[in-house]
Amino acid sequence: MKTKFATLLVLLMLVWPASFVAAQESVKIGYVDTQRIFRDAPAAVKAAKKIEAEFSRRDQELQNMDKQLRGMQDALEKNAVTMSDTDRRAKEKELNELAREFQRKQREFREDLNLRQNEENAAIIEKANRAIKQLAESEKFDLIVQDVVWASPKLDITDKIIKALTDGK
């Protein structure tokens, strides 16, 4: 029984590498750089401009509020010596309330911005995945991977996907 198993194992070890090499020769693999799609695809560029326009007013309000806070802080530091304790405490309270309001608005801004970016990125990825699937079927790919540490440039099909996204808009 042991000799039959050993013979089978040796035979398998001889055949397996040959079949593996043959399989490798017929496998077509591609790689897609998702970050390039987010950076270079027309849909991604359009989405970034749309988000920028959507959030520019709130960003400007935050910048103005930051300038106001800095001005109040400078005025308080400059005039603290000459102010009465009551006036100084009132100005400090006003400054602290404005600082809390600024931090709250800043946090809400970041959360809303991240949410919108994630929504737009999800839509872009959905379109890209459809384009990848179509390319895989039309060009007979066996495997297409995204976001790997390194891939040979000859496997990179990102330009084809960006073109498909451009053509499909």
N, C-alpha and C. Protein backbone atom coordinates (compact mmCIF):
# COMPACT_ATOMS: atom_id res chain seq x y z
N MET A 1 0.83 -1.18 0.00
CA MET A 1 0.00 0.00 0.00
C MET A 1 0.87 1.25 0.00
N LYS A 2 1.93 1.24 0.83
CA LYS A 2 2.81 2.39 0.90
C LYS A 2 3.55 2.60 -0.41
N THR A 3 3.95 1.53 -1.07
CA THR A 3 4.68 1.67 -2.33
C THR A 3 3.78 2.21 -3.44
N LYS A 4 2.51 1.81 -3.45
CA LYS A 4 1.58 2.35 -4.44
C LYS A 4 1.39 3.86 -4.22
N PHE A 5 1.24 4.26 -2.96
CA PHE A 5 1.07 5.68 -2.62
C PHE A 5 2.32 6.46 -2.99
N ALA A 6 3.50 5.90 -2.69
CA ALA A 6 4.75 6.56 -3.01
C ALA A 6 4.91 6.71 -4.51
N THR A 7 4.57 5.66 -5.26
CA THR A 7 4.65 5.70 -6.72
C THR A 7 3.70 6.76 -7.27
N LEU A 8 2.50 6.80 -6.76
CA LEU A 8 1.52 7.79 -7.18
C LEU A 8 2.00 9.20 -6.86
N LEU A 9 2.57 9.38 -5.71
CA LEU A 9 3.09 10.67 -5.29
C LEU A 9 4.22 11.12 -6.20
N VAL A 10 5.14 10.23 -6.52
CA VAL A 10 6.26 10.56 -7.41
C VAL A 10 5.72 10.91 -8.80
N LEU A 11 4.79 10.13 -9.28
CA LEU A 11 4.20 10.39 -10.59
C LEU A 11 3.50 11.75 -10.61
N LEU A 12 2.77 12.03 -9.57
CA LEU A 12 2.09 13.32 -9.45
C LEU A 12 3.08 14.47 -9.42
N MET A 13 4.17 14.30 -8.72
CA MET A 13 5.19 15.35 -8.63
C MET A 13 5.85 15.60 -9.98
N LEU A 14 5.95 14.55 -10.81
CA LEU A 14 6.53 14.72 -12.14
C LEU A 14 5.56 15.38 -13.11
N VAL A 15 4.31 15.03 -13.01
CA VAL A 15 3.30 15.54 -13.94
C VAL A 15 2.84 16.95 -13.56
N TRP A 16 2.70 17.22 -12.29
CA TRP A 16 2.14 18.50 -11.84
C TRP A 16 2.91 19.71 -12.33
N PRO A 17 4.25 19.77 -12.21
CA PRO A 17 4.95 20.96 -12.72
C PRO A 17 4.74 21.17 -14.21
N ALA A 18 4.70 20.11 -14.97
CA ALA A 18 4.49 20.25 -16.41
C ALA A 18 3.10 20.80 -16.71
N SER A 19 2.11 20.32 -15.99
CA SER A 19 0.75 20.83 -16.22
C SER A 19 0.63 22.26 -15.73
N PHE A 20 1.36 22.60 -14.69
CA PHE A 20 1.33 23.97 -14.17
C PHE A 20 1.93 24.93 -15.19
N VAL A 21 3.06 24.56 -15.80
CA VAL A 21 3.69 25.39 -16.81
C VAL A 21 2.78 25.55 -18.01
N ALA A 22 2.15 24.47 -18.43
CA ALA A 22 1.24 24.54 -19.57
C ALA A 22 0.06 25.45 -19.25
N ALA A 23 -0.43 25.37 -18.04
CA ALA A 23 -1.55 26.22 -17.65
C ALA A 23 -1.13 27.68 -17.60
N GLN A 24 0.09 27.93 -17.16
CA GLN A 24 0.56 29.32 -17.07
C GLN A 24 0.66 29.96 -18.45
N GLU A 25 1.04 29.20 -19.43
CA GLU A 25 1.20 29.74 -20.77
C GLU A 25 -0.13 30.18 -21.36
N SER A 26 -1.22 29.59 -20.95
CA SER A 26 -2.51 29.92 -21.54
C SER A 26 -3.32 30.89 -20.69
N VAL A 27 -2.79 31.32 -19.56
CA VAL A 27 -3.52 32.23 -18.68
C VAL A 27 -3.22 33.67 -19.09
N LYS A 28 -4.28 34.45 -19.27
CA LYS A 28 -4.13 35.86 -19.62
C LYS A 28 -4.54 36.69 -18.41
N ILE A 29 -3.59 37.47 -17.91
CA ILE A 29 -3.80 38.24 -16.68
C ILE A 29 -3.65 39.72 -16.99
N GLY A 30 -4.47 40.54 -16.36
CA GLY A 30 -4.38 41.98 -16.49
C GLY A 30 -4.43 42.63 -15.12
N TYR A 31 -3.96 43.86 -15.06
CA TYR A 31 -3.91 44.62 -13.81
C TYR A 31 -4.52 46.00 -14.05
N VAL A 32 -5.32 46.48 -13.10
CA VAL A 32 -5.92 47.81 -13.18
C VAL A 32 -5.53 48.60 -11.95
N ASP A 33 -4.99 49.80 -12.17
CA ASP A 33 -4.59 50.70 -11.09
C ASP A 33 -5.78 51.62 -10.75
N THR A 34 -6.48 51.30 -9.69
CA THR A 34 -7.68 52.04 -9.31
C THR A 34 -7.37 53.50 -9.00
N GLN A 35 -6.23 53.76 -8.39
CA GLN A 35 -5.87 55.15 -8.07
C GLN A 35 -5.72 55.98 -9.34
N ARG A 36 -5.18 55.40 -10.40
CA ARG A 36 -5.09 56.12 -11.67
C ARG A 36 -6.47 56.39 -12.24
N ILE A 37 -7.37 55.46 -12.06
CA ILE A 37 -8.74 55.68 -12.54
C ILE A 37 -9.35 56.87 -11.79
N PHE A 38 -9.19 56.89 -10.46
CA PHE A 38 -9.72 58.01 -9.67
C PHE A 38 -9.06 59.33 -10.05
N ARG A 39 -7.82 59.28 -10.49
CA ARG A 39 -7.08 60.49 -10.82
C ARG A 39 -7.29 60.93 -12.26
N ASP A 40 -7.34 59.97 -13.21
CA ASP A 40 -7.27 60.31 -14.62
C ASP A 40 -8.56 60.13 -15.42
N ALA A 41 -9.45 59.30 -14.97
CA ALA A 41 -10.67 59.07 -15.74
C ALA A 41 -11.52 60.34 -15.80
N PRO A 42 -12.07 60.66 -16.95
CA PRO A 42 -12.89 61.86 -17.08
C PRO A 42 -14.02 61.93 -16.05
N ALA A 43 -14.64 60.80 -15.76
CA ALA A 43 -15.72 60.79 -14.77
C ALA A 43 -15.20 61.19 -13.39
N ALA A 44 -13.98 60.78 -13.07
CA ALA A 44 -13.40 61.12 -11.77
C ALA A 44 -13.04 62.60 -11.71
N VAL A 45 -12.49 63.12 -12.80
CA VAL A 45 -12.15 64.55 -12.85
C VAL A 45 -13.43 65.39 -12.74
N LYS A 46 -14.46 64.98 -13.45
CA LYS A 46 -15.75 65.68 -13.41
C LYS A 46 -16.34 65.64 -11.99
N ALA A 47 -16.27 64.47 -11.35
CA ALA A 47 -16.80 64.32 -9.99
C ALA A 47 -16.03 65.21 -9.01
N ALA A 48 -14.72 65.28 -9.17
CA ALA A 48 -13.91 66.12 -8.26
C ALA A 48 -14.29 67.59 -8.41
N LYS A 49 -14.48 68.03 -9.65
CA LYS A 49 -14.89 69.43 -9.88
C LYS A 49 -16.28 69.69 -9.32
N LYS A 50 -17.17 68.73 -9.49
CA LYS A 50 -18.54 68.86 -8.96
C LYS A 50 -18.52 68.98 -7.44
N ILE A 51 -17.73 68.14 -6.79
CA ILE A 51 -17.63 68.18 -5.32
C ILE A 51 -16.99 69.49 -4.87
N GLU A 52 -15.96 69.92 -5.59
CA GLU A 52 -15.31 71.18 -5.23
C GLU A 52 -16.29 72.34 -5.31
N ALA A 53 -17.10 72.38 -6.37
CA ALA A 53 -18.09 73.45 -6.51
C ALA A 53 -19.15 73.35 -5.41
N GLU A 54 -19.54 72.13 -5.10
CA GLU A 54 -20.57 71.89 -4.10
C GLU A 54 -20.13 72.33 -2.70
N PHE A 55 -18.85 72.19 -2.40
CA PHE A 55 -18.36 72.47 -1.06
C PHE A 55 -17.55 73.76 -0.94
N SER A 56 -17.38 74.48 -2.03
CA SER A 56 -16.54 75.68 -2.00
C SER A 56 -17.11 76.77 -1.08
N ARG A 57 -18.44 76.94 -1.08
CA ARG A 57 -19.04 77.97 -0.23
C ARG A 57 -18.80 77.67 1.25
N ARG A 58 -19.02 76.42 1.64
CA ARG A 58 -18.80 76.04 3.04
C ARG A 58 -17.33 76.15 3.42
N ASP A 59 -16.45 75.80 2.49
CA ASP A 59 -15.02 75.92 2.75
C ASP A 59 -14.64 77.38 2.97
N GLN A 60 -15.19 78.26 2.15
CA GLN A 60 -14.91 79.69 2.29
C GLN A 60 -15.44 80.21 3.62
N GLU A 61 -16.62 79.76 4.02
CA GLU A 61 -17.17 80.16 5.32
C GLU A 61 -16.26 79.73 6.47
N LEU A 62 -15.73 78.52 6.37
CA LEU A 62 -14.81 78.03 7.40
C LEU A 62 -13.52 78.85 7.43
N GLN A 63 -13.02 79.20 6.27
CA GLN A 63 -11.81 80.03 6.21
C GLN A 63 -12.06 81.40 6.83
N ASN A 64 -13.23 81.98 6.55
CA ASN A 64 -13.58 83.28 7.15
C ASN A 64 -13.73 83.17 8.66
N MET A 65 -14.34 82.10 9.09
CA MET A 65 -14.52 81.88 10.53
C MET A 65 -13.16 81.71 11.22
N ASP A 66 -12.24 81.02 10.55
CA ASP A 66 -10.89 80.84 11.09
C ASP A 66 -10.18 82.19 11.22
N LYS A 67 -10.32 83.04 10.21
CA LYS A 67 -9.72 84.39 10.28
C LYS A 67 -10.32 85.19 11.42
N GLN A 68 -11.63 85.08 11.59
CA GLN A 68 -12.31 85.79 12.67
C GLN A 68 -11.79 85.31 14.03
N LEU A 69 -11.64 84.00 14.16
CA LEU A 69 -11.11 83.43 15.41
C LEU A 69 -9.70 83.94 15.70
N ARG A 70 -8.86 83.94 14.69
CA ARG A 70 -7.48 84.42 14.86
C ARG A 70 -7.47 85.90 15.24
N GLY A 71 -8.33 86.67 14.60
CA GLY A 71 -8.41 88.09 14.92
C GLY A 71 -8.86 88.32 16.35
N MET A 72 -9.86 87.57 16.78
CA MET A 72 -10.34 87.70 18.16
C MET A 72 -9.25 87.28 19.15
N GLN A 73 -8.53 86.21 18.83
CA GLN A 73 -7.45 85.72 19.70
C GLN A 73 -6.35 86.78 19.81
N ASP A 74 -5.96 87.37 18.68
CA ASP A 74 -4.92 88.41 18.68
C ASP A 74 -5.36 89.63 19.47
N ALA A 75 -6.61 90.05 19.27
CA ALA A 75 -7.13 91.22 19.99
C ALA A 75 -7.19 90.95 21.49
N LEU A 76 -7.59 89.76 21.86
CA LEU A 76 -7.66 89.41 23.28
C LEU A 76 -6.26 89.41 23.90
N GLU A 77 -5.29 88.83 23.21
CA GLU A 77 -3.93 88.80 23.72
C GLU A 77 -3.35 90.21 23.83
N LYS A 78 -3.65 91.04 22.86
CA LYS A 78 -3.12 92.40 22.83
C LYS A 78 -3.75 93.27 23.92
N ASN A 79 -5.04 93.13 24.14
CA ASN A 79 -5.78 94.02 25.04
C ASN A 79 -6.07 93.41 26.40
N ALA A 80 -5.65 92.20 26.66
CA ALA A 80 -5.99 91.52 27.92
C ALA A 80 -5.49 92.31 29.14
N VAL A 81 -4.34 92.93 29.01
CA VAL A 81 -3.75 93.66 30.15
C VAL A 81 -4.59 94.88 30.52
N THR A 82 -5.14 95.53 29.54
CA THR A 82 -5.88 96.77 29.79
C THR A 82 -7.37 96.54 30.04
N MET A 83 -7.86 95.33 29.84
CA MET A 83 -9.29 95.04 30.03
C MET A 83 -9.59 94.74 31.49
N SER A 84 -10.84 94.99 31.84
CA SER A 84 -11.27 94.57 33.17
C SER A 84 -11.44 93.05 33.17
N ASP A 85 -11.42 92.45 34.34
CA ASP A 85 -11.57 91.00 34.44
C ASP A 85 -12.90 90.54 33.82
N THR A 86 -13.94 91.30 34.04
CA THR A 86 -15.26 90.93 33.51
C THR A 86 -15.26 90.96 31.99
N ASP A 87 -14.68 92.02 31.40
CA ASP A 87 -14.61 92.11 29.94
C ASP A 87 -13.74 91.01 29.36
N ARG A 88 -12.61 90.75 30.01
CA ARG A 88 -11.69 89.72 29.53
C ARG A 88 -12.37 88.35 29.56
N ARG A 89 -13.07 88.04 30.66
CA ARG A 89 -13.77 86.75 30.75
C ARG A 89 -14.87 86.64 29.70
N ALA A 90 -15.58 87.72 29.46
CA ALA A 90 -16.64 87.72 28.45
C ALA A 90 -16.05 87.49 27.06
N LYS A 91 -14.92 88.13 26.77
CA LYS A 91 -14.26 87.94 25.47
C LYS A 91 -13.72 86.52 25.34
N GLU A 92 -13.16 85.98 26.42
CA GLU A 92 -12.66 84.60 26.40
C GLU A 92 -13.81 83.62 26.18
N LYS A 93 -14.95 83.88 26.84
CA LYS A 93 -16.11 83.01 26.67
C LYS A 93 -16.60 83.07 25.22
N GLU A 94 -16.67 84.27 24.67
CA GLU A 94 -17.10 84.44 23.29
C GLU A 94 -16.13 83.73 22.33
N LEU A 95 -14.84 83.85 22.60
CA LEU A 95 -13.82 83.19 21.78
C LEU A 95 -13.96 81.67 21.87
N ASN A 96 -14.15 81.15 23.07
CA ASN A 96 -14.29 79.70 23.26
C ASN A 96 -15.55 79.16 22.56
N GLU A 97 -16.65 79.91 22.65
CA GLU A 97 -17.88 79.48 21.99
C GLU A 97 -17.71 79.46 20.47
N LEU A 98 -17.05 80.49 19.95
CA LEU A 98 -16.81 80.55 18.51
C LEU A 98 -15.85 79.42 18.08
N ALA A 99 -14.87 79.13 18.90
CA ALA A 99 -13.92 78.05 18.59
C ALA A 99 -14.64 76.70 18.57
N ARG A 100 -15.54 76.46 19.50
CA ARG A 100 -16.33 75.22 19.52
C ARG A 100 -17.22 75.14 18.28
N GLU A 101 -17.85 76.24 17.96
CA GLU A 101 -18.71 76.28 16.77
C GLU A 101 -17.87 76.00 15.51
N PHE A 102 -16.69 76.59 15.43
CA PHE A 102 -15.80 76.38 14.30
C PHE A 102 -15.41 74.90 14.20
N GLN A 103 -15.03 74.30 15.30
CA GLN A 103 -14.64 72.89 15.30
C GLN A 103 -15.80 71.99 14.89
N ARG A 104 -17.00 72.31 15.37
CA ARG A 104 -18.18 71.53 15.00
C ARG A 104 -18.44 71.62 13.50
N LYS A 105 -18.41 72.85 12.97
CA LYS A 105 -18.66 73.05 11.54
C LYS A 105 -17.56 72.40 10.70
N GLN A 106 -16.34 72.47 11.17
CA GLN A 106 -15.22 71.86 10.46
C GLN A 106 -15.38 70.32 10.41
N ARG A 107 -15.77 69.75 11.54
CA ARG A 107 -15.98 68.30 11.61
C ARG A 107 -17.15 67.89 10.68
N GLU A 108 -18.24 68.62 10.69
CA GLU A 108 -19.38 68.33 9.82
C GLU A 108 -18.98 68.46 8.35
N PHE A 109 -18.19 69.48 8.06
CA PHE A 109 -17.72 69.70 6.70
C PHE A 109 -16.91 68.48 6.22
N ARG A 110 -15.95 68.04 7.03
CA ARG A 110 -15.12 66.88 6.67
C ARG A 110 -15.97 65.62 6.49
N GLU A 111 -16.92 65.41 7.39
CA GLU A 111 -17.79 64.23 7.29
C GLU A 111 -18.63 64.27 6.02
N ASP A 112 -19.23 65.43 5.73
CA ASP A 112 -20.05 65.57 4.53
C ASP A 112 -19.20 65.42 3.26
N LEU A 113 -18.02 66.00 3.27
CA LEU A 113 -17.12 65.91 2.13
C LEU A 113 -16.70 64.46 1.90
N ASN A 114 -16.33 63.77 2.95
CA ASN A 114 -15.94 62.36 2.81
C ASN A 114 -17.10 61.51 2.30
N LEU A 115 -18.29 61.77 2.80
CA LEU A 115 -19.47 61.03 2.35
C LEU A 115 -19.70 61.23 0.85
N ARG A 116 -19.64 62.48 0.40
CA ARG A 116 -19.84 62.77 -1.03
C ARG A 116 -18.75 62.15 -1.89
N GLN A 117 -17.50 62.24 -1.41
CA GLN A 117 -16.40 61.64 -2.17
C GLN A 117 -16.59 60.13 -2.27
N ASN A 118 -16.99 59.51 -1.18
CA ASN A 118 -17.23 58.07 -1.20
C ASN A 118 -18.36 57.69 -2.15
N GLU A 119 -19.42 58.51 -2.19
CA GLU A 119 -20.53 58.26 -3.11
C GLU A 119 -20.05 58.32 -4.56
N GLU A 120 -19.31 59.38 -4.88
CA GLU A 120 -18.82 59.55 -6.25
C GLU A 120 -17.83 58.44 -6.61
N ASN A 121 -16.95 58.09 -5.67
CA ASN A 121 -15.98 57.02 -5.92
C ASN A 121 -16.68 55.68 -6.16
N ALA A 122 -17.74 55.43 -5.41
CA ALA A 122 -18.49 54.18 -5.58
C ALA A 122 -19.10 54.12 -6.99
N ALA A 123 -19.62 55.24 -7.46
CA ALA A 123 -20.20 55.27 -8.81
C ALA A 123 -19.11 55.05 -9.87
N ILE A 124 -17.95 55.64 -9.66
CA ILE A 124 -16.84 55.48 -10.61
C ILE A 124 -16.38 54.02 -10.62
N ILE A 125 -16.24 53.44 -9.44
CA ILE A 125 -15.80 52.04 -9.35
C ILE A 125 -16.82 51.11 -10.01
N GLU A 126 -18.08 51.41 -9.81
CA GLU A 126 -19.12 50.58 -10.44
C GLU A 126 -18.98 50.62 -11.96
N LYS A 127 -18.78 51.81 -12.51
CA LYS A 127 -18.60 51.94 -13.96
C LYS A 127 -17.31 51.23 -14.40
N ALA A 128 -16.25 51.42 -13.62
CA ALA A 128 -14.97 50.78 -13.97
C ALA A 128 -15.09 49.26 -13.93
N ASN A 129 -15.78 48.74 -12.94
CA ASN A 129 -15.94 47.28 -12.84
C ASN A 129 -16.72 46.73 -14.03
N ARG A 130 -17.72 47.48 -14.49
CA ARG A 130 -18.46 47.06 -15.69
C ARG A 130 -17.53 47.06 -16.91
N ALA A 131 -16.71 48.12 -17.01
CA ALA A 131 -15.77 48.21 -18.14
C ALA A 131 -14.72 47.09 -18.07
N ILE A 132 -14.27 46.77 -16.87
CA ILE A 132 -13.30 45.69 -16.68
C ILE A 132 -13.91 44.36 -17.11
N LYS A 133 -15.14 44.13 -16.69
CA LYS A 133 -15.81 42.87 -17.05
C LYS A 133 -15.99 42.76 -18.56
N GLN A 134 -16.39 43.85 -19.20
CA GLN A 134 -16.57 43.84 -20.65
C GLN A 134 -15.24 43.58 -21.36
N LEU A 135 -14.18 44.24 -20.88
CA LEU A 135 -12.86 44.04 -21.49
C LEU A 135 -12.39 42.60 -21.28
N ALA A 136 -12.61 42.08 -20.08
CA ALA A 136 -12.20 40.70 -19.78
C ALA A 136 -12.90 39.72 -20.72
N GLU A 137 -14.17 39.95 -20.98
CA GLU A 137 -14.92 39.05 -21.85
C GLU A 137 -14.50 39.22 -23.32
N SER A 138 -14.33 40.46 -23.74
CA SER A 138 -14.01 40.69 -25.16
C SER A 138 -12.58 40.30 -25.51
N GLU A 139 -11.65 40.46 -24.57
CA GLU A 139 -10.25 40.13 -24.86
C GLU A 139 -9.82 38.80 -24.23
N LYS A 140 -10.77 38.07 -23.71
CA LYS A 140 -10.53 36.72 -23.16
C LYS A 140 -9.48 36.68 -22.04
N PHE A 141 -9.63 37.60 -21.06
CA PHE A 141 -8.77 37.56 -19.88
C PHE A 141 -9.25 36.47 -18.94
N ASP A 142 -8.30 35.81 -18.29
CA ASP A 142 -8.64 34.80 -17.29
C ASP A 142 -8.72 35.42 -15.90
N LEU A 143 -7.94 36.49 -15.71
CA LEU A 143 -7.87 37.12 -14.39
C LEU A 143 -7.50 38.58 -14.56
N ILE A 144 -8.24 39.46 -13.91
CA ILE A 144 -7.88 40.87 -13.83
C ILE A 144 -7.89 41.25 -12.35
N VAL A 145 -6.79 41.83 -11.90
CA VAL A 145 -6.66 42.20 -10.49
C VAL A 145 -6.56 43.72 -10.37
N GLN A 146 -6.93 44.20 -9.20
CA GLN A 146 -6.83 45.63 -8.90
C GLN A 146 -6.00 45.80 -7.64
N ASP A 147 -5.31 46.93 -7.57
CA ASP A 147 -4.63 47.36 -6.36
C ASP A 147 -3.71 46.30 -5.76
N VAL A 148 -2.68 45.98 -6.48
CA VAL A 148 -1.66 45.07 -5.98
C VAL A 148 -0.42 45.90 -5.67
N VAL A 149 0.50 45.34 -4.94
CA VAL A 149 1.72 46.06 -4.58
C VAL A 149 2.56 46.36 -5.81
N TRP A 150 2.71 45.37 -6.67
CA TRP A 150 3.49 45.57 -7.88
C TRP A 150 2.98 44.64 -8.96
N ALA A 151 3.00 45.14 -10.18
CA ALA A 151 2.65 44.33 -11.34
C ALA A 151 3.50 44.80 -12.51
N SER A 152 3.85 43.92 -13.36
CA SER A 152 4.61 44.25 -14.55
C SER A 152 3.81 45.23 -15.40
N PRO A 153 4.46 46.24 -15.95
CA PRO A 153 3.74 47.19 -16.82
C PRO A 153 3.06 46.52 -18.01
N LYS A 154 3.57 45.38 -18.45
CA LYS A 154 2.93 44.71 -19.59
C LYS A 154 1.56 44.14 -19.22
N LEU A 155 1.29 43.99 -17.92
CA LEU A 155 -0.01 43.50 -17.47
C LEU A 155 -1.01 44.63 -17.23
N ASP A 156 -0.52 45.87 -17.20
CA ASP A 156 -1.36 47.02 -16.84
C ASP A 156 -2.32 47.35 -17.98
N ILE A 157 -3.60 47.23 -17.70
CA ILE A 157 -4.64 47.54 -18.69
C ILE A 157 -5.45 48.77 -18.26
N THR A 158 -4.90 49.55 -17.34
CA THR A 158 -5.61 50.72 -16.82
C THR A 158 -5.98 51.69 -17.94
N ASP A 159 -5.06 51.92 -18.88
CA ASP A 159 -5.36 52.86 -19.98
C ASP A 159 -6.57 52.40 -20.79
N LYS A 160 -6.70 51.10 -20.99
CA LYS A 160 -7.86 50.58 -21.72
C LYS A 160 -9.15 50.84 -20.95
N ILE A 161 -9.09 50.70 -19.64
CA ILE A 161 -10.28 50.92 -18.81
C ILE A 161 -10.64 52.41 -18.81
N ILE A 162 -9.63 53.27 -18.68
CA ILE A 162 -9.89 54.72 -18.72
C ILE A 162 -10.49 55.10 -20.07
N LYS A 163 -9.97 54.53 -21.14
CA LYS A 163 -10.52 54.79 -22.47
C LYS A 163 -11.97 54.31 -22.55
N ALA A 164 -12.24 53.13 -22.01
CA ALA A 164 -13.61 52.61 -22.04
C ALA A 164 -14.54 53.53 -21.23
N LEU A 165 -14.05 54.04 -20.11
CA LEU A 165 -14.86 54.96 -19.31
C LEU A 165 -15.06 56.29 -20.05
N THR A 166 -14.05 56.71 -20.80
CA THR A 166 -14.15 57.95 -21.57
C THR A 166 -15.17 57.78 -22.70
N ASP A 167 -15.07 56.66 -23.40
CA ASP A 167 -15.98 56.41 -24.51
C ASP A 167 -17.42 56.21 -24.02
N GLY A 168 -17.55 55.53 -22.88
CA GLY A 168 -18.87 55.25 -22.34
C GLY A 168 -19.46 56.41 -21.56
N LYS A 169 -18.64 57.26 -21.05
CA LYS A 169 -19.02 58.42 -20.23
C LYS A 169 -20.15 58.03 -19.37
